[in-house]
C-alpha atoms as a PDB file:
ATOM      1  CA  MET A   1     125.455  65.770 157.467  1.00  0.00           C
ATOM      2  CA  ASN A   2     128.205  64.502 155.207  1.00  0.00           C
ATOM      3  CA  HIS A   3     130.231  61.559 156.437  1.00  0.00           C
ATOM      4  CA  GLY A   4     133.474  59.989 155.411  1.00  0.00           C
ATOM      5  CA  ARG A   5     133.031  56.232 155.603  1.00  0.00           C
ATOM      6  CA  THR A   6     130.202  54.153 157.049  1.00  0.00           C
ATOM      7  CA  ILE A   7     131.666  51.295 159.085  1.00  0.00           C
ATOM      8  CA  VAL A   8     129.234  48.542 160.078  1.00  0.00           C
ATOM      9  CA  VAL A   9     130.577  46.232 162.799  1.00  0.00           C
ATOM     10  CA  GLY A  10     129.320  42.761 163.684  1.00  0.00           C
ATOM     11  CA  ASP A  11     128.440  41.409 167.122  1.00  0.00           C
ATOM     12  CA  VAL A  12     131.110  42.619 169.574  1.00  0.00           C
ATOM     13  CA  HIS A  13     129.837  40.856 172.719  1.00  0.00           C
ATOM     14  CA  GLY A  14     132.112  42.718 175.094  1.00  0.00           C
ATOM     15  CA  CYS A  15     135.325  42.184 173.097  1.00  0.00           C
ATOM     16  CA  ARG A  16     136.650  45.679 173.633  1.00  0.00           C
ATOM     17  CA  ALA A  17     140.289  44.907 172.816  1.00  0.00           C
ATOM     18  CA  GLU A  18     139.358  43.435 169.455  1.00  0.00           C
ATOM     19  CA  LEU A  19     137.087  46.403 168.702  1.00  0.00           C
ATOM     20  CA  ASP A  20     139.888  48.834 169.520  1.00  0.00           C
ATOM     21  CA  ALA A  21     142.257  46.870 167.292  1.00  0.00           C
ATOM     22  CA  LEU A  22     139.758  46.759 164.424  1.00  0.00           C
ATOM     23  CA  LEU A  23     139.140  50.510 164.584  1.00  0.00           C
ATOM     24  CA  ASP A  24     142.902  51.117 164.662  1.00  0.00           C
ATOM     25  CA  ARG A  25     143.328  48.814 161.652  1.00  0.00           C
ATOM     26  CA  LEU A  26     140.693  50.853 159.805  1.00  0.00           C
ATOM     27  CA  ALA A  27     142.242  54.170 160.903  1.00  0.00           C
ATOM     28  CA  PHE A  28     138.828  55.205 162.236  1.00  0.00           C
ATOM     29  CA  THR A  29     138.460  58.963 162.430  1.00  0.00           C
ATOM     30  CA  THR A  30     135.851  61.422 163.666  1.00  0.00           C
ATOM     31  CA  GLY A  31     134.711  61.930 160.077  1.00  0.00           C
ATOM     32  CA  ASP A  32     133.566  58.300 159.882  1.00  0.00           C
ATOM     33  CA  ARG A  33     130.172  56.936 160.892  1.00  0.00           C
ATOM     34  CA  LEU A  34     130.250  53.834 163.098  1.00  0.00           C
ATOM     35  CA  VAL A  35     127.266  51.462 163.077  1.00  0.00           C
ATOM     36  CA  PHE A  36     126.754  48.366 165.235  1.00  0.00           C
ATOM     37  CA  VAL A  37     124.439  45.472 164.345  1.00  0.00           C
ATOM     38  CA  GLY A  38     123.588  44.902 168.016  1.00  0.00           C
ATOM     39  CA  ASP A  39     124.852  42.585 170.758  1.00  0.00           C
ATOM     40  CA  LEU A  40     127.594  44.896 171.936  1.00  0.00           C
ATOM     41  CA  VAL A  41     127.318  43.331 175.370  1.00  0.00           C
ATOM     42  CA  SER A  42     127.446  40.087 177.339  1.00  0.00           C
ATOM     43  CA  ARG A  43     129.709  37.006 177.271  1.00  0.00           C
ATOM     44  CA  GLY A  44     132.913  38.901 176.544  1.00  0.00           C
ATOM     45  CA  PRO A  45     135.333  40.495 179.029  1.00  0.00           C
ATOM     46  CA  ASP A  46     134.480  44.210 178.784  1.00  0.00           C
ATOM     47  CA  SER A  47     130.903  45.063 177.822  1.00  0.00           C
ATOM     48  CA  LEU A  48     131.036  48.405 179.588  1.00  0.00           C
ATOM     49  CA  GLY A  49     134.171  49.309 177.661  1.00  0.00           C
ATOM     50  CA  VAL A  50     132.435  48.541 174.376  1.00  0.00           C
ATOM     51  CA  ILE A  51     129.477  50.719 175.360  1.00  0.00           C
ATOM     52  CA  ALA A  52     131.938  53.492 176.238  1.00  0.00           C
ATOM     53  CA  ILE A  53     133.451  53.295 172.739  1.00  0.00           C
ATOM     54  CA  ALA A  54     129.989  53.436 171.183  1.00  0.00           C
ATOM     55  CA  ARG A  55     129.110  56.528 173.171  1.00  0.00           C
ATOM     56  CA  ARG A  56     132.448  58.248 172.628  1.00  0.00           C
ATOM     57  CA  THR A  57     132.292  57.789 168.870  1.00  0.00           C
ATOM     58  CA  GLY A  58     128.629  58.761 168.548  1.00  0.00           C
ATOM     59  CA  ALA A  59     127.939  55.350 167.040  1.00  0.00           C
ATOM     60  CA  HIS A  60     124.598  54.187 165.699  1.00  0.00           C
ATOM     61  CA  LEU A  61     123.221  51.011 167.262  1.00  0.00           C
ATOM     62  CA  VAL A  62     120.378  48.708 166.334  1.00  0.00           C
ATOM     63  CA  LEU A  63     118.911  46.714 169.172  1.00  0.00           C
ATOM     64  CA  GLY A  64     120.284  43.201 169.587  1.00  0.00           C
ATOM     65  CA  ASN A  65     118.673  40.406 171.553  1.00  0.00           C
ATOM     66  CA  HIS A  66     121.162  40.849 174.383  1.00  0.00           C
ATOM     67  CA  GLU A  67     120.435  44.568 174.657  1.00  0.00           C
ATOM     68  CA  ALA A  68     116.719  43.737 174.490  1.00  0.00           C
ATOM     69  CA  LYS A  69     117.064  41.578 177.611  1.00  0.00           C
ATOM     70  CA  LEU A  70     118.674  44.455 179.461  1.00  0.00           C
ATOM     71  CA  VAL A  71     116.061  46.930 178.234  1.00  0.00           C
ATOM     72  CA  ALA A  72     113.207  44.643 179.356  1.00  0.00           C
ATOM     73  CA  TRP A  73     114.818  44.344 182.793  1.00  0.00           C
ATOM     74  CA  ARG A  74     115.303  48.103 183.051  1.00  0.00           C
ATOM     75  CA  ARG A  75     111.735  48.919 182.014  1.00  0.00           C
ATOM     76  CA  ALA A  76     110.195  46.426 184.421  1.00  0.00           C
ATOM     77  CA  LYS A  77     109.026  47.694 187.779  1.00  0.00           C
ATOM     78  CA  PRO A  78     111.592  46.894 190.497  1.00  0.00           C
ATOM     79  CA  GLU A  79     109.267  44.405 192.169  1.00  0.00           C
ATOM     80  CA  LYS A  80     108.824  42.579 188.832  1.00  0.00           C
ATOM     81  CA  ARG A  81     112.500  42.335 187.919  1.00  0.00           C
ATOM     82  CA  LYS A  82     113.040  39.260 190.060  1.00  0.00           C
ATOM     83  CA  ASP A  83     110.561  37.427 187.838  1.00  0.00           C
ATOM     84  CA  LEU A  84     112.592  38.100 184.687  1.00  0.00           C
ATOM     85  CA  THR A  85     115.126  35.528 183.557  1.00  0.00           C
ATOM     86  CA  ILE A  86     118.452  37.326 183.356  1.00  0.00           C
ATOM     87  CA  SER A  87     121.849  35.651 183.184  1.00  0.00           C
ATOM     88  CA  LYS A  88     124.790  36.536 185.386  1.00  0.00           C
ATOM     89  CA  HIS A  89     126.424  38.144 182.340  1.00  0.00           C
ATOM     90  CA  HIS A  90     123.473  40.477 181.842  1.00  0.00           C
ATOM     91  CA  ALA A  91     123.160  41.173 185.559  1.00  0.00           C
ATOM     92  CA  GLN A  92     126.813  42.240 185.726  1.00  0.00           C
ATOM     93  CA  VAL A  93     126.360  44.566 182.769  1.00  0.00           C
ATOM     94  CA  ALA A  94     123.119  46.026 184.148  1.00  0.00           C
ATOM     95  CA  GLU A  95     124.796  46.830 187.472  1.00  0.00           C
ATOM     96  CA  GLY A  96     127.591  48.767 185.767  1.00  0.00           C
ATOM     97  CA  LEU A  97     125.647  50.825 183.221  1.00  0.00           C
ATOM     98  CA  SER A  98     125.449  54.566 183.751  1.00  0.00           C
ATOM     99  CA  GLU A  99     122.352  56.582 182.919  1.00  0.00           C
ATOM    100  CA  SER A 100     124.003  57.681 179.670  1.00  0.00           C
ATOM    101  CA  ASP A 101     124.732  54.047 178.832  1.00  0.00           C
ATOM    102  CA  TRP A 102     121.118  53.129 179.473  1.00  0.00           C
ATOM    103  CA  ALA A 103     119.962  55.980 177.234  1.00  0.00           C
ATOM    104  CA  LEU A 104     121.951  54.504 174.338  1.00  0.00           C
ATOM    105  CA  LEU A 105     120.314  51.101 174.793  1.00  0.00           C
ATOM    106  CA  LEU A 106     116.809  52.379 175.504  1.00  0.00           C
ATOM    107  CA  ASN A 107     116.807  54.496 172.346  1.00  0.00           C
ATOM    108  CA  ALA A 108     118.238  51.857 170.018  1.00  0.00           C
ATOM    109  CA  PRO A 109     115.876  51.132 167.088  1.00  0.00           C
ATOM    110  CA  LEU A 110     115.112  47.703 165.636  1.00  0.00           C
ATOM    111  CA  TRP A 111     116.564  48.683 162.268  1.00  0.00           C
ATOM    112  CA  LEU A 112     118.396  51.530 160.591  1.00  0.00           C
ATOM    113  CA  ASP A 113     118.285  52.619 156.957  1.00  0.00           C
ATOM    114  CA  PHE A 114     121.104  54.353 155.093  1.00  0.00           C
ATOM    115  CA  PRO A 115     119.548  55.197 151.691  1.00  0.00           C
ATOM    116  CA  GLU A 116     122.762  56.618 150.250  1.00  0.00           C
ATOM    117  CA  HIS A 117     124.242  53.116 150.523  1.00  0.00           C
ATOM    118  CA  ASP A 118     121.002  51.250 149.696  1.00  0.00           C
ATOM    119  CA  LEU A 119     121.650  49.682 153.096  1.00  0.00           C
ATOM    120  CA  ARG A 120     119.486  48.448 155.936  1.00  0.00           C
ATOM    121  CA  VAL A 121     120.967  47.201 159.221  1.00  0.00           C
ATOM    122  CA  VAL A 122     119.074  44.778 161.464  1.00  0.00           C
ATOM    123  CA  HIS A 123     120.284  42.500 164.201  1.00  0.00           C
ATOM    124  CA  ALA A 124     119.050  39.062 163.149  1.00  0.00           C
ATOM    125  CA  GLY A 125     116.912  39.039 160.024  1.00  0.00           C
ATOM    126  CA  VAL A 126     113.651  39.662 158.236  1.00  0.00           C
ATOM    127  CA  VAL A 127     110.927  37.449 156.835  1.00  0.00           C
ATOM    128  CA  PRO A 128     111.187  37.877 153.054  1.00  0.00           C
ATOM    129  CA  GLY A 129     108.216  39.594 151.451  1.00  0.00           C
ATOM    130  CA  VAL A 130     106.933  41.170 154.676  1.00  0.00           C
ATOM    131  CA  PRO A 131     107.081  44.998 154.856  1.00  0.00           C
ATOM    132  CA  MET A 132     109.451  46.269 157.549  1.00  0.00           C
ATOM    133  CA  GLU A 133     106.694  47.930 159.541  1.00  0.00           C
ATOM    134  CA  LYS A 134     104.969  44.529 159.789  1.00  0.00           C
ATOM    135  CA  GLN A 135     108.046  42.542 160.783  1.00  0.00           C
ATOM    136  CA  LEU A 136     107.753  41.069 164.289  1.00  0.00           C
ATOM    137  CA  GLU A 137     110.221  42.302 166.877  1.00  0.00           C
ATOM    138  CA  LYS A 138     111.057  38.753 167.961  1.00  0.00           C
ATOM    139  CA  ASN A 139     112.067  37.900 164.393  1.00  0.00           C
ATOM    140  CA  LEU A 140     114.194  41.007 163.934  1.00  0.00           C
ATOM    141  CA  LEU A 141     116.014  40.055 167.138  1.00  0.00           C
ATOM    142  CA  HIS A 142     116.214  36.267 166.919  1.00  0.00           C
ATOM    143  CA  MET A 143     115.539  34.654 163.529  1.00  0.00           C
ATOM    144  CA  ARG A 144     118.164  32.674 161.639  1.00  0.00           C
ATOM    145  CA  CYS A 145     116.368  30.620 159.010  1.00  0.00           C
ATOM    146  CA  LEU A 146     112.992  29.861 157.457  1.00  0.00           C
ATOM    147  CA  THR A 147     110.600  26.981 157.911  1.00  0.00           C
ATOM    148  CA  ALA A 148     109.104  25.065 154.990  1.00  0.00           C
ATOM    149  CA  GLN A 149     106.109  27.415 155.278  1.00  0.00           C
ATOM    150  CA  GLY A 150     108.335  30.486 154.982  1.00  0.00           C
ATOM    151  CA  ASP A 151     108.003  31.480 158.642  1.00  0.00           C
ATOM    152  CA  ALA A 152     110.860  32.652 160.826  1.00  0.00           C
ATOM    153  CA  SER A 153     112.841  30.169 162.898  1.00  0.00           C
ATOM    154  CA  ASP A 154     115.583  30.809 165.431  1.00  0.00           C
ATOM    155  CA  GLU A 155     117.053  27.303 165.308  1.00  0.00           C
ATOM    156  CA  LYS A 156     120.837  27.471 165.285  1.00  0.00           C
ATOM    157  CA  TRP A 157     121.851  24.466 163.230  1.00  0.00           C
ATOM    158  CA  SER A 158     118.747  23.677 161.289  1.00  0.00           C
ATOM    159  CA  HIS A 159     118.772  22.192 157.805  1.00  0.00           C
ATOM    160  CA  ALA A 160     116.217  24.852 156.886  1.00  0.00           C
ATOM    161  CA  PRO A 161     117.422  27.603 154.520  1.00  0.00           C
ATOM    162  CA  LEU A 162     119.005  30.707 155.960  1.00  0.00           C
ATOM    163  CA  TRP A 163     116.626  33.644 155.564  1.00  0.00           C
ATOM    164  CA  GLY A 164     119.199  35.567 153.525  1.00  0.00           C
ATOM    165  CA  THR A 165     119.057  32.983 150.744  1.00  0.00           C
ATOM    166  CA  GLN A 166     115.409  33.864 150.152  1.00  0.00           C
ATOM    167  CA  TYR A 167     115.481  37.624 150.667  1.00  0.00           C
ATOM    168  CA  VAL A 168     115.335  39.866 147.597  1.00  0.00           C
ATOM    169  CA  GLY A 169     116.042  43.568 148.034  1.00  0.00           C
ATOM    170  CA  GLY A 170     116.788  46.300 147.949  1.00  0.00           C
ATOM    171  CA  PRO A 171     117.820  47.534 150.256  1.00  0.00           C
ATOM    172  CA  HIS A 172     120.791  45.286 150.950  1.00  0.00           C
ATOM    173  CA  ILE A 173     120.602  44.048 154.553  1.00  0.00           C
ATOM    174  CA  VAL A 174     123.642  43.733 156.793  1.00  0.00           C
ATOM    175  CA  PHE A 175     122.988  41.727 159.942  1.00  0.00           C
ATOM    176  CA  GLY A 176     124.559  39.785 162.804  1.00  0.00           C
ATOM    177  CA  HIS A 177     123.246  37.399 165.465  1.00  0.00           C
ATOM    178  CA  ASN A 178     123.833  34.083 163.678  1.00  0.00           C
ATOM    179  CA  ALA A 179     127.498  33.448 164.498  1.00  0.00           C
ATOM    180  CA  MET A 180     129.329  31.677 161.711  1.00  0.00           C
ATOM    181  CA  SER A 181     132.951  30.802 161.057  1.00  0.00           C
ATOM    182  CA  ALA A 182     132.819  32.974 157.930  1.00  0.00           C
ATOM    183  CA  VAL A 183     130.749  35.856 156.604  1.00  0.00           C
ATOM    184  CA  GLN A 184     127.334  34.976 155.154  1.00  0.00           C
ATOM    185  CA  LEU A 185     127.271  36.183 151.559  1.00  0.00           C
ATOM    186  CA  HIS A 186     123.830  36.231 149.979  1.00  0.00           C
ATOM    187  CA  PRO A 187     122.729  38.204 146.907  1.00  0.00           C
ATOM    188  CA  TRP A 188     120.887  40.834 148.949  1.00  0.00           C
ATOM    189  CA  ALA A 189     122.078  40.198 152.522  1.00  0.00           C
ATOM    190  CA  THR A 190     125.422  39.949 154.328  1.00  0.00           C
ATOM    191  CA  GLY A 191     125.860  38.400 157.772  1.00  0.00           C
ATOM    192  CA  ILE A 192     128.877  39.730 159.673  1.00  0.00           C
ATOM    193  CA  ASP A 193     128.725  37.909 163.008  1.00  0.00           C
ATOM    194  CA  THR A 194     131.884  35.831 162.751  1.00  0.00           C
ATOM    195  CA  GLY A 195     131.993  34.787 166.388  1.00  0.00           C
ATOM    196  CA  CYS A 196     134.664  37.032 167.877  1.00  0.00           C
ATOM    197  CA  VAL A 197     133.660  36.170 171.444  1.00  0.00           C
ATOM    198  CA  TYR A 198     133.964  32.472 170.556  1.00  0.00           C
ATOM    199  CA  GLY A 199     137.521  32.862 169.300  1.00  0.00           C
ATOM    200  CA  GLY A 200     136.608  33.771 165.708  1.00  0.00           C
ATOM    201  CA  ALA A 201     136.913  37.287 164.339  1.00  0.00           C
ATOM    202  CA  LEU A 202     135.304  40.703 164.554  1.00  0.00           C
ATOM    203  CA  THR A 203     134.125  41.752 161.096  1.00  0.00           C
ATOM    204  CA  ALA A 204     133.360  45.181 159.650  1.00  0.00           C
ATOM    205  CA  LEU A 205     131.876  46.220 156.317  1.00  0.00           C
ATOM    206  CA  VAL A 206     133.292  49.557 155.164  1.00  0.00           C
ATOM    207  CA  LEU A 207     131.545  51.816 152.668  1.00  0.00           C
ATOM    208  CA  HIS A 208     132.875  55.087 151.327  1.00  0.00           C
ATOM    209  CA  ALA A 209     130.614  58.107 150.984  1.00  0.00           C
ATOM    210  CA  GLU A 210     127.646  57.377 148.710  1.00  0.00           C
ATOM    211  CA  GLU A 211     129.001  53.893 147.898  1.00  0.00           C
ATOM    212  CA  ARG A 212     126.243  51.345 147.456  1.00  0.00           C
ATOM    213  CA  VAL A 213     126.561  47.828 148.787  1.00  0.00           C
ATOM    214  CA  PRO A 214     127.464  45.471 145.924  1.00  0.00           C
ATOM    215  CA  ARG A 215     125.601  42.209 145.553  1.00  0.00           C
ATOM    216  CA  GLY A 216     126.798  38.793 146.626  1.00  0.00           C
ATOM    217  CA  SER A 217     130.478  37.863 146.752  1.00  0.00           C
ATOM    218  CA  ALA A 218     131.552  41.323 145.535  1.00  0.00           C
ATOM    219  CA  VAL A 219     131.000  42.441 149.147  1.00  0.00           C
ATOM    220  CA  ARG A 220     134.197  40.590 150.125  1.00  0.00           C
ATOM    221  CA  GLU A 221     136.343  43.507 149.005  1.00  0.00           C
ATOM    222  CA  LEU A 222     134.612  45.752 151.554  1.00  0.00           C
ATOM    223  CA  LEU A 223     135.139  43.440 154.529  1.00  0.00           C
ATOM    224  CA  HIS A 224     137.818  43.815 157.187  1.00  0.00           C
ATOM    225  CA  GLN A 225     138.501  41.520 160.131  1.00  0.00           C
ATOM    226  CA  GLN A 226     140.315  41.435 163.434  1.00  0.00           C
ATOM    227  CA  ARG A 227     141.009  37.965 164.776  1.00  0.00           C
ATOM    228  CA  ALA A 228     139.962  37.315 168.368  1.00  0.00           C
ATOM    229  CA  PHE A 229     142.731  37.509 170.951  1.00  0.00           C
ATOM    230  CA  ALA A 230     141.235  34.612 172.907  1.00  0.00           C
ATOM    231  CA  VAL A 231     138.211  32.377 173.285  1.00  0.00           C
ATOM    232  CA  HIS A 232     136.223  34.548 175.655  1.00  0.00           C
ATOM    233  CA  PHE A 233     133.135  32.335 175.795  1.00  0.00           C
ATOM    234  CA  GLU A 234     133.168  28.643 174.987  1.00  0.00           C
ATOM    235  CA  PRO A 235     130.812  27.952 172.078  1.00  0.00           C
ATOM    236  CA  SER A 236     128.866  24.744 171.677  1.00  0.00           C
ATOM    237  CA  LYS A 237     129.283  25.012 167.916  1.00  0.00           C
ATOM    238  CA  VAL A 238     130.024  27.697 165.336  1.00  0.00           C
ATOM    239  CA  PRO A 239     128.798  26.495 161.932  1.00  0.00           C
ATOM    240  CA  VAL A 240     130.056  27.261 158.466  1.00  0.00           C
ATOM    241  CA  PRO A 241     127.664  29.318 156.297  1.00  0.00           C
ATOM    242  CA  LYS A 242     125.582  27.290 153.877  1.00  0.00           C
ATOM    243  CA  ALA A 243     124.170  28.336 150.543  1.00  0.00           C
END
């Protein structure tokens, strides 16, 4: 199937108004392909509305750690659900999801490849040098940086290097999860979680048909942002990307 543009959107976290505004800014049309890096839900004001947009547009979604929590809860036997740690934000979302909503989350893969763009989309990251089929689910959902031994770490404000600084592709990886005050620009990886729910911005990377992701800072020309309308969830800290 031929598409117009491929629009990859960072972590929405229930910020439906900002997502609507971003899609309007981009003049999103039915000929475009919408892709989410995960974490559509939780913390923001309208998770169900965001899911509704994803379903209405036929969007592609990779599993985020917040969706993974909901999926684990859903798949658990009813008598076991009380033993799962689930926040009030997730509980509220779980109560409101329709069967069609659940189908979207339950069928979300851990990564998506778009060969025509030399693009791979994951939620959090990959351990450099490890084949995708051998990447651990917990790392794909949670990792942010690398230890001195080259293992995955999910520490938020570690002095360890961000995994994207060490990754060599292709494909080029676009990811979210690690909220920053600006886009992470690495030679072969671009992080587009710019903390919309924390009062930052919702970021999208837009590729035209058959356009390949450029390397490093050249990606800037493909990025579009919608500033948050409010601080929807008070952050403890949103760091600046480091080299």
